[in-house]
Protein backbone atom coordinates (compact mmCIF):
# COMPACT_ATOMS: atom_id res chain seq x y z
CA UNK A 1 -18.12 35.57 1.71
CA UNK A 2 -21.34 35.42 3.70
CA UNK A 3 -21.66 37.66 6.78
CA UNK A 4 -22.02 35.88 10.11
CA UNK A 5 -25.58 36.02 11.41
CA UNK A 6 -25.04 34.70 14.95
CA UNK A 7 -22.63 32.94 17.24
CA UNK A 8 -24.13 30.03 19.22
CA UNK A 9 -24.42 30.77 22.94
CA UNK A 10 -22.61 27.59 23.99
CA UNK A 11 -19.55 28.68 21.97
CA UNK A 12 -19.54 32.10 23.64
CA UNK A 13 -19.66 30.43 27.06
CA UNK A 14 -16.81 28.06 26.15
CA UNK A 15 -14.66 30.70 24.47
CA UNK A 16 -12.83 31.99 27.59
CA UNK A 17 -11.79 28.45 28.46
CA UNK A 18 -10.62 27.79 24.90
CA UNK A 19 -8.46 30.90 25.00
CA UNK A 20 -6.70 29.98 28.23
CA UNK A 21 -3.00 29.43 27.79
CA UNK A 22 -2.22 25.82 28.60
CA UNK A 23 0.88 25.01 30.63
CA UNK A 24 3.59 23.53 28.39
CA UNK A 25 3.61 19.73 28.58
CA UNK A 26 6.54 17.78 29.97
CA UNK A 27 9.09 16.61 27.41
CA UNK A 28 7.87 13.02 27.54
CA UNK A 29 4.26 14.10 27.07
CA UNK A 30 4.93 16.43 24.16
CA UNK A 31 5.39 13.64 21.61
CA UNK A 32 2.15 12.01 22.75
CA UNK A 33 0.36 15.34 22.54
CA UNK A 34 1.55 15.86 18.97
CA UNK A 35 0.31 12.40 18.02
CA UNK A 36 -3.11 13.15 19.53
CA UNK A 37 -3.23 16.47 17.70
CA UNK A 38 -2.21 14.80 14.45
CA UNK A 39 -5.15 12.41 14.76
CA UNK A 40 -7.57 15.27 15.41
CA UNK A 41 -6.19 17.20 12.44
CA UNK A 42 -6.19 14.31 9.96
CA UNK A 43 -9.11 12.20 11.16
CA UNK A 44 -11.38 14.58 13.09
CA UNK A 45 -11.60 12.12 15.97
CA UNK A 46 -10.61 12.51 19.60
CA UNK A 47 -8.01 10.05 20.96
CA UNK A 48 -9.77 10.31 24.32
CA UNK A 49 -13.04 9.17 22.77
CA UNK A 50 -14.68 12.56 23.24
CA UNK A 51 -17.00 14.13 20.73
CA UNK A 52 -15.73 16.57 18.11
CA UNK A 53 -18.43 18.27 16.09
CA UNK A 54 -18.18 20.45 13.01
CA UNK A 55 -20.74 23.21 12.60
CA UNK A 56 -21.36 24.02 8.96
CA UNK A 57 -23.00 26.94 7.18
CA UNK A 58 -22.85 29.41 10.07
CA UNK A 59 -23.65 26.69 12.63
CA UNK A 60 -26.95 25.75 10.99
CA UNK A 61 -25.80 22.16 10.33
CA UNK A 62 -23.86 19.86 12.66
CA UNK A 63 -21.84 16.85 11.45
CA UNK A 64 -19.13 14.70 13.04
CA UNK A 65 -15.75 16.31 12.53
CA UNK A 66 -14.56 13.03 10.99
CA UNK A 67 -16.67 13.95 7.94
CA UNK A 68 -14.72 17.20 7.42
CA UNK A 69 -11.33 16.85 9.14
CA UNK A 70 -8.91 19.76 8.89
CA UNK A 71 -6.47 17.80 6.74
CA UNK A 72 -9.17 17.03 4.19
CA UNK A 73 -9.13 20.63 2.93
CA UNK A 74 -5.86 22.07 4.21
CA UNK A 75 -3.79 19.00 3.27
CA UNK A 76 -1.58 16.75 5.32
CA UNK A 77 1.14 19.38 5.16
CA UNK A 78 -1.27 22.19 6.12
CA UNK A 79 -0.51 24.29 3.06
CA UNK A 80 -3.94 23.99 1.47
CA UNK A 81 -4.67 23.44 -2.18
CA UNK A 82 -7.41 25.20 -4.21
CA UNK A 83 -10.26 22.88 -5.08
CA UNK A 84 -13.77 23.51 -6.37
CA UNK A 85 -13.26 27.26 -6.43
CA UNK A 86 -12.23 27.39 -2.75
CA UNK A 87 -8.66 28.18 -1.65
CA UNK A 88 -8.08 26.78 1.88
CA UNK A 89 -5.66 28.82 4.01
CA UNK A 90 -2.06 27.83 4.64
CA UNK A 91 -2.15 26.56 8.24
CA UNK A 92 1.59 26.21 8.79
CA UNK A 93 2.60 28.18 11.85
CA UNK A 94 5.15 30.28 9.94
CA UNK A 95 2.39 31.41 7.58
CA UNK A 96 -0.22 32.07 10.27
CA UNK A 97 2.16 34.13 12.42
CA UNK A 98 3.83 36.28 9.77
CA UNK A 99 4.71 39.58 11.46
CA UNK A 100 2.85 41.60 8.86
CA UNK A 101 -0.78 41.72 7.85
CA UNK A 102 -2.22 39.16 5.45
CA UNK A 103 -4.64 39.79 2.60
CA UNK A 104 -6.64 36.75 1.46
CA UNK A 105 -7.63 36.18 -2.19
CA UNK A 106 -11.10 37.49 -1.30
CA UNK A 107 -9.62 40.80 -0.12
CA UNK A 108 -10.11 40.12 3.59
CA UNK A 109 -7.24 41.56 5.68
CA UNK A 110 -6.11 40.56 9.15
CA UNK A 111 -3.04 40.80 11.43
CA UNK A 112 -1.03 37.72 12.47
CA UNK A 113 -2.51 34.88 14.50
CA UNK A 114 -1.28 33.81 17.92
CA UNK A 115 -2.34 30.78 19.96
CA UNK A 116 -5.42 32.43 21.45
CA UNK A 117 -6.58 33.91 18.16
CA UNK A 118 -6.17 30.57 16.38
CA UNK A 119 -8.27 28.82 19.03
CA UNK A 120 -10.94 31.49 18.51
CA UNK A 121 -10.84 30.96 14.75
CA UNK A 122 -11.27 27.19 15.15
CA UNK A 123 -14.14 27.52 17.63
CA UNK A 124 -15.96 30.63 16.33
CA UNK A 125 -14.78 31.13 12.77
CA UNK A 126 -13.38 34.63 13.37
CA UNK A 127 -9.98 35.83 12.12
CA UNK A 128 -7.62 38.14 14.13
CA UNK A 129 -9.34 41.25 12.75
CA UNK A 130 -12.77 40.01 13.81
CA UNK A 131 -13.82 39.11 10.27
CA UNK A 132 -15.86 35.94 9.73
CA UNK A 133 -13.98 33.15 7.97
CA UNK A 134 -15.23 31.76 4.71
CA UNK A 135 -18.61 30.09 5.04
CA UNK A 136 -17.05 26.79 3.87
CA UNK A 137 -14.82 26.74 6.96
CA UNK A 138 -16.48 24.66 9.71
CA UNK A 139 -16.51 25.80 13.34
CA UNK A 140 -15.33 22.99 15.58
CA UNK A 141 -16.65 22.05 19.00
CA UNK A 142 -14.31 19.93 21.11
CA UNK A 143 -12.96 19.56 24.64
CA UNK A 144 -10.29 21.88 26.04
CA UNK A 145 -7.76 19.05 26.01
CA UNK A 146 -8.46 18.23 22.38
CA UNK A 147 -8.16 21.88 21.44
CA UNK A 148 -4.76 22.11 23.18
CA UNK A 149 -3.59 18.96 21.41
CA UNK A 150 -4.72 20.25 18.04
CA UNK A 151 -3.02 23.60 18.59
CA UNK A 152 0.25 21.90 19.61
CA UNK A 153 0.17 19.93 16.38
CA UNK A 154 -0.64 23.00 14.27
CA UNK A 155 2.29 24.89 15.81
CA UNK A 156 4.75 22.38 14.36
CA UNK A 157 2.84 21.42 11.20
CA UNK A 158 5.09 21.68 8.18
CA UNK A 159 8.28 22.11 10.24
CA UNK A 160 8.94 18.66 11.66
CA UNK A 161 11.49 16.33 10.10
CA UNK A 162 10.64 12.66 9.94
CA UNK A 163 13.03 10.11 11.47
CA UNK A 164 15.73 8.98 9.08
CA UNK A 165 15.96 12.29 7.20
CA UNK A 166 19.22 14.16 7.69
CA UNK A 167 20.75 17.10 5.93
CA UNK A 168 23.01 14.82 3.91
CA UNK A 169 21.41 11.39 4.31
CA UNK A 170 18.17 9.47 4.09
CA UNK A 171 17.79 6.06 5.72
CA UNK A 172 15.77 3.18 4.26
CA UNK A 173 15.13 -0.15 5.95
CA UNK A 174 15.09 -3.68 4.55
CA UNK A 175 13.74 -6.64 6.53
CA UNK A 176 15.38 -9.79 5.16
CA UNK A 177 14.08 -13.38 5.36
CA UNK A 178 15.00 -15.44 8.42
CA UNK A 179 18.13 -17.57 8.34
CA UNK A 180 17.60 -21.05 6.94
CA UNK A 181 16.23 -22.12 3.56
CA UNK A 182 15.72 -18.50 2.45
CA UNK A 183 19.15 -17.26 3.54
CA UNK A 184 20.34 -17.22 -0.10
CA UNK A 185 17.42 -15.00 -1.07
CA UNK A 186 18.21 -12.66 1.82
CA UNK A 187 21.84 -12.39 0.79
CA UNK A 188 20.84 -11.68 -2.82
CA UNK A 189 18.39 -8.94 -1.82
CA UNK A 190 20.95 -7.35 0.52
CA UNK A 191 23.60 -7.40 -2.23
CA UNK A 192 21.47 -5.99 -5.02
CA UNK A 193 19.97 -3.16 -2.92
CA UNK A 194 23.38 -2.23 -1.51
CA UNK A 195 24.67 -2.08 -5.07
CA UNK A 196 21.76 -0.01 -6.38
CA UNK A 197 21.90 2.60 -3.62
CA UNK A 198 25.69 2.77 -3.79
CA UNK A 199 25.41 3.39 -7.52
CA UNK A 200 22.79 6.08 -6.86
CA UNK A 201 24.96 7.75 -4.23
CA UNK A 202 27.94 7.89 -6.60
CA UNK A 203 25.73 9.96 -8.90
CA UNK A 204 24.95 12.43 -6.11
CA UNK A 205 22.12 10.66 -4.32
CA UNK A 206 18.70 12.31 -4.10
CA UNK A 207 18.96 16.12 -3.99
CA UNK A 208 22.34 15.83 -2.30
CA UNK A 209 21.26 13.23 0.23
CA UNK A 210 22.97 9.85 0.32
CA UNK A 211 20.52 6.96 0.59
CA UNK A 212 21.67 4.66 3.41
CA UNK A 213 20.17 1.14 3.50
CA UNK A 214 19.87 -0.62 6.85
CA UNK A 215 19.20 -4.35 7.05
CA UNK A 216 17.53 -6.62 9.58
CA UNK A 217 17.60 -10.41 9.34
CA UNK A 218 14.21 -11.25 10.76
CA UNK A 219 13.89 -14.03 13.36
CA UNK A 220 12.24 -17.27 12.33
CA UNK A 221 9.23 -17.42 14.69
CA UNK A 222 6.51 -15.12 13.28
CA UNK A 223 5.48 -14.04 16.79
CA UNK A 224 8.96 -12.51 17.29
CA UNK A 225 9.23 -10.80 13.95
CA UNK A 226 6.90 -7.92 14.74
CA UNK A 227 8.70 -6.93 17.94
CA UNK A 228 12.15 -7.28 16.37
CA UNK A 229 11.10 -5.28 13.33
CA UNK A 230 9.52 -2.60 15.51
CA UNK A 231 12.74 -2.24 17.48
CA UNK A 232 14.76 -2.11 14.24
CA UNK A 233 12.60 0.64 12.73
CA UNK A 234 12.89 2.77 15.88
CA UNK A 235 16.55 2.07 16.63
CA UNK A 236 17.76 2.78 13.11
CA UNK A 237 15.32 5.67 12.60
CA UNK A 238 14.05 4.25 9.31
CA UNK A 239 12.41 6.77 7.00
CA UNK A 240 10.94 4.26 4.54
CA UNK A 241 11.00 0.52 3.95
CA UNK A 242 11.80 -1.22 0.67
CA UNK A 243 11.55 -4.87 -0.40
CA UNK A 244 10.90 -6.08 3.14
CA UNK A 245 10.14 -9.76 3.70
CA UNK A 246 6.63 -10.06 5.19
CA UNK A 247 5.75 -13.65 4.24
CA UNK A 248 4.65 -15.66 7.27
CA UNK A 249 3.74 -12.55 9.26
CA UNK A 250 2.05 -10.53 6.52
CA UNK A 251 -0.74 -8.87 8.46
CA UNK A 252 1.39 -8.22 11.56
CA UNK A 253 4.25 -6.50 9.73
CA UNK A 254 2.04 -4.58 7.28
CA UNK A 255 0.09 -3.33 10.28
CA UNK A 256 3.34 -2.31 11.99
CA UNK A 257 4.37 -0.07 9.09
CA UNK A 258 0.90 1.44 9.12
CA UNK A 259 1.05 2.02 12.88
CA UNK A 260 4.42 3.77 12.58
CA UNK A 261 3.35 5.60 9.41
CA UNK A 262 6.42 4.40 7.52
CA UNK A 263 5.98 3.98 3.75
CA UNK A 264 6.87 0.47 2.57
CA UNK A 265 7.42 -0.24 -1.13
CA UNK A 266 7.48 -3.67 -2.72
CA UNK A 267 7.32 -6.07 0.23
CA UNK A 268 7.78 -9.79 -0.39
CA UNK A 269 4.46 -11.38 0.49
CA UNK A 270 2.23 -14.18 -0.71
CA UNK A 271 -0.93 -12.29 0.16
CA UNK A 272 -0.89 -8.61 -0.88
CA UNK A 273 -3.96 -6.94 0.62
CA UNK A 274 -6.10 -4.06 -0.60
CA UNK A 275 -8.97 -4.66 1.78
CA UNK A 276 -10.70 -1.64 3.28
CA UNK A 277 -9.95 0.30 5.34
CA UNK A 278 -6.89 0.57 3.13
CA UNK A 279 -3.40 0.40 4.61
CA UNK A 280 -2.17 3.79 3.45
CA UNK A 281 1.52 3.04 3.87
CA UNK A 282 2.14 -0.30 2.14
CA UNK A 283 2.59 -0.38 -1.66
CA UNK A 284 2.71 -3.83 -3.24
CA UNK A 285 4.31 -4.57 -6.60
CA UNK A 286 2.77 -7.78 -7.88
CA UNK A 287 -0.57 -9.54 -7.40
CA UNK A 288 -1.23 -12.60 -5.28
CA UNK A 289 -3.43 -15.58 -5.99
CA UNK A 290 -6.67 -13.57 -5.81
CA UNK A 291 -5.83 -11.36 -8.78
CA UNK A 292 -4.17 -14.22 -10.68
CA UNK A 293 -7.31 -16.33 -10.27
CA UNK A 294 -9.50 -13.48 -11.46
CA UNK A 295 -7.23 -12.94 -14.46
CA UNK A 296 -7.63 -16.61 -15.40
CA UNK A 297 -11.41 -16.30 -15.16
CA UNK A 298 -11.38 -13.23 -17.42
CA UNK A 299 -9.10 -15.05 -19.85
CA UNK A 300 -11.40 -18.08 -20.14
CA UNK A 301 -14.49 -15.89 -20.39
CA UNK A 302 -12.93 -13.95 -23.26
CA UNK A 303 -11.95 -17.20 -24.98
CA UNK A 304 -15.29 -18.99 -24.51
CA UNK A 305 -17.51 -15.96 -25.08
CA UNK A 306 -20.94 -16.01 -23.45
CA UNK A 307 -20.91 -19.78 -22.95
CA UNK A 308 -21.31 -20.44 -19.19
CA UNK A 309 -18.59 -22.60 -17.66
CA UNK A 310 -19.24 -25.32 -15.09
CA UNK A 311 -16.04 -24.74 -13.16
CA UNK A 312 -14.34 -26.24 -10.13
CA UNK A 313 -11.93 -24.73 -7.62
CA UNK A 314 -9.36 -27.11 -6.15
CA UNK A 315 -7.19 -25.67 -3.38
CA UNK A 316 -5.16 -26.70 -0.32
CA UNK A 317 -7.02 -26.49 2.97
CA UNK A 318 -4.99 -23.42 3.94
CA UNK A 319 -6.73 -20.52 5.64
CA UNK A 320 -4.51 -18.13 3.70
CA UNK A 321 -6.15 -19.27 0.45
CA UNK A 322 -9.72 -18.62 1.56
CA UNK A 323 -9.60 -15.09 0.14
CA UNK A 324 -8.29 -16.46 -3.17
CA UNK A 325 -11.07 -19.07 -3.36
CA UNK A 326 -13.66 -16.38 -2.69
CA UNK A 327 -12.11 -14.09 -5.33
CA UNK A 328 -12.40 -16.84 -7.97
CA UNK A 329 -16.00 -17.54 -6.92
CA UNK A 330 -16.86 -13.86 -7.37
CA UNK A 331 -15.12 -13.79 -10.75
CA UNK A 332 -17.21 -16.78 -11.83
CA UNK A 333 -20.39 -15.06 -10.69
CA UNK A 334 -19.40 -11.90 -12.58
CA UNK A 335 -18.96 -14.02 -15.71
CA UNK A 336 -22.49 -15.38 -15.32
CA UNK A 337 -21.32 -18.92 -14.56
CA UNK A 338 -23.03 -21.34 -12.17
CA UNK A 339 -21.39 -21.41 -8.71
CA UNK A 340 -18.16 -23.44 -9.03
CA UNK A 341 -17.70 -26.67 -7.06
CA UNK A 342 -15.05 -26.20 -4.36
CA UNK A 343 -12.73 -28.97 -3.17
CA UNK A 344 -10.18 -28.32 -0.43
CA UNK A 345 -7.47 -30.90 0.26
CA UNK A 346 -4.96 -31.66 2.99
CA UNK A 347 -1.23 -32.34 3.01
CA UNK A 348 -1.57 -35.55 1.02
CA UNK A 349 -3.03 -33.70 -1.95
CA UNK A 350 -6.42 -34.14 -3.66
CA UNK A 351 -7.87 -37.55 -2.79
CA UNK A 352 -9.43 -40.04 -5.21
CA UNK A 353 -13.06 -39.61 -4.06
CA UNK A 354 -12.88 -35.86 -4.60
CA UNK A 355 -11.38 -36.22 -8.07
CA UNK A 356 -13.98 -38.87 -9.01
CA UNK A 357 -16.75 -36.55 -7.80
CA UNK A 358 -15.49 -33.69 -9.97
CA UNK A 359 -14.92 -35.99 -12.95
CA UNK A 360 -18.46 -37.36 -12.63
CA UNK A 361 -19.83 -33.84 -12.89
CA UNK A 362 -17.68 -33.25 -16.01
CA UNK A 363 -16.55 -29.88 -14.72
CA UNK A 364 -14.39 -27.67 -16.91
CA UNK A 365 -12.28 -25.60 -16.28
CA UNK A 366 -10.56 -26.39 -12.98
CA UNK A 367 -8.96 -23.51 -11.08
CA UNK A 368 -6.03 -25.08 -9.24
CA UNK A 369 -4.49 -23.10 -6.38
CA UNK A 370 -1.86 -25.55 -5.15
CA UNK A 371 1.72 -26.36 -6.08
CA UNK A 372 3.00 -27.71 -9.39
CA UNK A 373 3.63 -31.16 -7.94
CA UNK A 374 0.09 -31.30 -6.53
CA UNK A 375 -1.35 -30.15 -9.85
CA UNK A 376 0.58 -32.83 -11.70
CA UNK A 377 -0.71 -35.56 -9.35
CA UNK A 378 -4.25 -34.22 -9.84
CA UNK A 379 -3.91 -34.40 -13.63
CA UNK A 380 -2.50 -37.93 -13.55
CA UNK A 381 -5.52 -39.07 -11.52
CA UNK A 382 -7.95 -37.20 -13.79
CA UNK A 383 -6.35 -38.72 -16.89
CA UNK A 384 -6.82 -42.17 -15.42
CA UNK A 385 -10.56 -41.45 -15.19
CA UNK A 386 -10.73 -40.19 -18.76
CA UNK A 387 -11.48 -36.66 -17.53
CA UNK A 388 -9.37 -33.97 -19.15
CA UNK A 389 -10.55 -30.50 -18.12
CA UNK A 390 -8.60 -27.34 -18.78
CA UNK A 391 -6.41 -26.61 -15.77
CA UNK A 392 -6.04 -22.95 -14.76
CA UNK A 393 -3.24 -22.64 -12.22
CA UNK A 394 -1.86 -19.64 -10.33
CA UNK A 395 1.81 -18.80 -9.97
CA UNK A 396 2.01 -21.15 -6.97
CA UNK A 397 2.21 -24.02 -9.51
CA UNK A 398 4.89 -22.39 -11.65
CA UNK A 399 7.65 -24.99 -11.46
CA UNK A 400 8.92 -27.77 -13.69
CA UNK A 401 6.54 -30.35 -12.17
CA UNK A 402 3.70 -29.50 -14.51
CA UNK A 403 5.77 -30.36 -17.55
CA UNK A 404 5.42 -33.96 -16.40
CA UNK A 405 1.63 -33.88 -16.83
CA UNK A 406 0.01 -36.53 -19.05
CA UNK A 407 0.39 -35.81 -22.78
CA UNK A 408 -3.40 -35.67 -23.18
CA UNK A 409 -3.33 -32.31 -21.36
CA UNK A 410 -1.02 -30.68 -23.89
CA UNK A 411 -2.52 -27.26 -24.71
CA UNK A 412 -5.01 -27.53 -21.84
CA UNK A 413 -2.86 -26.20 -18.97
CA UNK A 414 -2.67 -22.44 -18.37
CA UNK A 415 -0.66 -20.51 -15.82
CA UNK A 416 -1.24 -16.98 -14.51
CA UNK A 417 2.09 -15.28 -13.81
CA UNK A 418 2.54 -11.81 -12.26
CA UNK A 419 5.52 -11.15 -14.51
CA UNK A 420 6.92 -12.69 -17.65
CA UNK A 421 9.60 -15.36 -17.21
CA UNK A 422 13.04 -14.64 -18.59
CA UNK A 423 15.04 -11.44 -18.81
CA UNK A 424 13.51 -8.04 -17.93
CA UNK A 425 13.07 -5.26 -20.48
CA UNK A 426 16.28 -4.57 -22.48
CA UNK A 427 17.20 -1.33 -20.72
CA UNK A 428 16.54 -2.83 -17.29
CA UNK A 429 18.44 -5.99 -18.23
CA UNK A 430 21.44 -3.87 -19.24
CA UNK A 431 21.24 -1.94 -15.94
CA UNK A 432 21.12 -5.17 -13.96
CA UNK A 433 24.07 -6.68 -15.85
CA UNK A 434 26.11 -3.54 -15.17
CA UNK A 435 25.33 -3.76 -11.44
CA UNK A 436 26.06 -7.48 -11.39
CA UNK A 437 29.42 -6.98 -13.05
CA UNK A 438 30.51 -4.01 -10.95
CA UNK A 439 29.35 -5.34 -7.60
CA UNK A 440 29.72 -9.09 -8.28
CA UNK A 441 26.11 -9.84 -7.41
CA UNK A 442 25.03 -13.40 -6.51
CA UNK A 443 23.85 -15.48 -9.45
CA UNK A 444 20.93 -17.04 -7.58
CA UNK A 445 17.51 -15.67 -6.52
CA UNK A 446 17.31 -13.60 -9.70
CA UNK A 447 13.54 -13.10 -9.39
CA UNK A 448 13.93 -11.72 -5.85
CA UNK A 449 16.74 -9.42 -7.00
CA UNK A 450 14.63 -7.99 -9.82
CA UNK A 451 11.64 -7.46 -7.52
CA UNK A 452 13.87 -5.68 -5.00
CA UNK A 453 15.25 -3.46 -7.76
CA UNK A 454 11.72 -2.64 -8.93
CA UNK A 455 10.78 -1.61 -5.39
CA UNK A 456 13.92 0.52 -5.13
CA UNK A 457 13.18 2.25 -8.46
CA UNK A 458 9.62 3.10 -7.38
CA UNK A 459 10.89 4.59 -4.11
CA UNK A 460 13.67 6.51 -5.87
CA UNK A 461 11.16 7.96 -8.33
CA UNK A 462 8.88 9.08 -5.50
CA UNK A 463 11.83 10.70 -3.72
CA UNK A 464 12.83 12.56 -6.88
CA UNK A 465 9.30 13.82 -7.40
CA UNK A 466 9.03 14.96 -3.79
CA UNK A 467 12.04 17.26 -3.93
CA UNK A 468 14.38 18.39 -1.20
CA UNK A 469 11.62 19.01 1.34
CA UNK A 470 10.91 15.33 1.88
CA UNK A 471 8.54 13.67 4.35
CA UNK A 472 6.84 10.32 4.73
CA UNK A 473 3.44 11.76 3.90
CA UNK A 474 4.79 13.39 0.74
CA UNK A 475 6.35 10.11 -0.31
CA UNK A 476 2.98 8.40 0.12
CA UNK A 477 1.35 11.14 -1.98
CA UNK A 478 3.95 10.77 -4.73
CA UNK A 479 3.69 6.98 -4.79
CA UNK A 480 -0.07 7.40 -5.17
CA UNK A 481 0.59 9.56 -8.23
CA UNK A 482 2.55 6.90 -10.14
CA UNK A 483 0.75 5.87 -13.32
CA UNK A 484 2.07 3.03 -15.50
CA UNK A 485 5.53 3.66 -14.05
CA UNK A 486 8.13 1.60 -15.89
CA UNK A 487 10.83 0.03 -13.73
CA UNK A 488 11.62 -2.50 -16.46
CA UNK A 489 11.91 -5.27 -13.87
CA UNK A 490 8.18 -5.88 -13.31
CA UNK A 491 5.01 -4.89 -15.21
CA UNK A 492 4.18 -1.15 -15.16
CA UNK A 493 3.11 0.09 -11.73
CA UNK A 494 0.01 2.19 -11.10
CA UNK A 495 -1.11 3.36 -7.67
CA UNK A 496 -3.76 5.72 -6.38
CA UNK A 497 -5.56 6.84 -3.21
CA UNK A 498 -7.62 3.63 -3.27
CA UNK A 499 -5.08 1.38 -4.97
CA UNK A 500 -2.04 -0.24 -3.35
CA UNK A 501 -1.32 -2.99 -5.87
CA UNK A 502 0.98 -1.71 -8.60
CA UNK A 503 0.36 -4.40 -11.22
CA UNK A 504 -3.26 -5.57 -11.10
CA UNK A 505 -3.46 -8.50 -13.44
CA UNK A 506 -1.39 -11.38 -14.80
CA UNK A 507 0.20 -12.82 -17.91
CA UNK A 508 -1.53 -16.02 -19.01
CA UNK A 509 0.83 -18.69 -20.35
CA UNK A 510 0.01 -22.01 -22.00
CA UNK A 511 2.19 -25.03 -21.24
CA UNK A 512 3.63 -26.74 -24.30
CA UNK A 513 4.26 -30.22 -22.92
CA UNK A 514 6.10 -31.44 -26.02
CA UNK A 515 8.64 -28.62 -26.09
CA UNK A 516 8.52 -28.10 -22.32
CA UNK A 517 8.11 -24.36 -22.61
CA UNK A 518 5.65 -21.62 -21.79
CA UNK A 519 3.75 -19.96 -24.63
CA UNK A 520 2.13 -16.51 -24.09
CA UNK A 521 -1.65 -16.54 -24.50
CA UNK A 522 -3.28 -13.16 -24.98
CA UNK A 523 -0.70 -11.01 -23.14
CA UNK A 524 -1.43 -9.11 -19.95
CA UNK A 525 -4.92 -9.58 -18.50
CA UNK A 526 -5.90 -6.54 -16.43
CA UNK A 527 -8.19 -7.01 -13.42
CA UNK A 528 -10.14 -4.00 -12.15
C-alpha cells in the first residue's frame, strides 16, 4: 500500500458538503434514486448528465468514471472478486457496517463504516480509521446529488430481491404469438413449457422454489406488442423470460427486456442480434440468416480450396435481410472472392432480366435468401437458360418446394440449417416422449416445442448454478458461463460476455432430388 502524499484542495472544500446527511427521499422517489445510483455504480455515468471523474494513483491521473466504474472491480453484487493480485473490498452494506473492527488482507484495520465515512472514502480514499485506501482504488469526484444516489444504492446492494422471486416460488414469463395463423404454435409452446415446469416442480423445483410460468398472448399489431408486454412483465412481476415470441417486433421487445433488465432465454425471432453495444439480457439459441449465410460461404471455401468464386446474392427486397446480405458480402471478402453481384427482388420473385443478367455473367455459387418456392422458380428459370450454378440457401428455403427443382440441379443445392432435421438426441427424445405421453402434448409445431424446451433447459441450468440466493444479474452471469451446454434439443450452446448467440454456425445439407431427402455435408460449420 502506498502512503497518501496529498489530498487535492477542491476535495477538501467539497468534503463537508459530501458528508451532509441528506433528507430521506419520498417513497415514490426512492425507487428512482436507487435506479440512478445503480447506473452510477455500474456505468460510472450520471443520470443527470453531470460529470463524474475518477482520480487515479493518488489523484495524479484523471479519467472519466465510466472507464473504472465501481461495479467493474467490486462486481455487480458488490462482493468483490480477487483479480490480478488485487482483492476489492466487499461493498455490501452488511459487510461495511459490521459492528466490530475489520482487518483487510494487507493488515490494515478500521472500525465500521457509516454513511458519512463511506462518502469520505469514495471522495478522498480514506477508511474509517483515517488510513489511505489501496492505491488501485480511485477517488471519485461527483455532484452532491449523485453521491447521495450512489450511497442509497450501496446501502441496499446485495440485499434487494428481484421481482418474481419469492421464498417458495420463482416466476417466469412467456410471450406467445398473436392469435391467428400462429395460434397452434402458441398453444404448443404453452403446453410444453407448462409440462416441463410442472415436471420440474414435482421433483422439488429449484432449491425448494416452484417455477411458475405466466403466459401472455401478444396482440397482432407490432406497435401494441411492446406496451402490452411491458404491462405483462410489470403486472405479473416476471423474474425472467423464456421462449418469448419476438418475431415482427424483434428490436422493440428485445430492447424492452434490456430496459427492464429481465433475462430472456431462447426467444423466437428471425433476426437474432449480437450488434454492439450488446444487449446484455437477451440470449438467443439458434442463428439467423446472417450466420447461416456465412456458414455456407465457409463450406464452399473449404470445398473449393483457394479457388476464388464469382458469386451472386439473390434476396427479397426486405429491409430485414439487409444485414444478412452484408454478412454474406463480408464472408465473400474474407474468402478472397471478388465482390458478389447482388440482386434484390419484389413480391413477384426474381424477374427474367435479373436472372438473364446473372446467367450471362456465369456466376457460381448463388446465395439465395428467399423462400423454397421462390428458389424453385429461380432454378426453373436458370435451367431454361442453360445456367446451373450451385444454389446455397438459408433455412428460409427449407420446405418441400425445393424438391421440385429441375433434375439438372441434383447434387447442386445446399441448405444451411440451424439444427438437424428429425428427432433430437436420444436422451432428449426420450425426455420429450415422456412429457408428451404424461401431459398429452400437441402433435404439431414440434420444432417450436423443442426450441422452447431447449430455452427452458438453459434457464433451469443457470438457476441451478446460481443457487438459492438468486438474482437477475446472477442469472445473466451464469448464462454467460455456459460452454457447449447440451440440451439435446438444439446444438450445444455457448455464451460469454461478448456472445449472445448460443449456436454460432449451421449444418450444411445437400438435397438429393431423386430420393427427396437431405444428405449431411460436412457436419456442423462453426462461424466465429
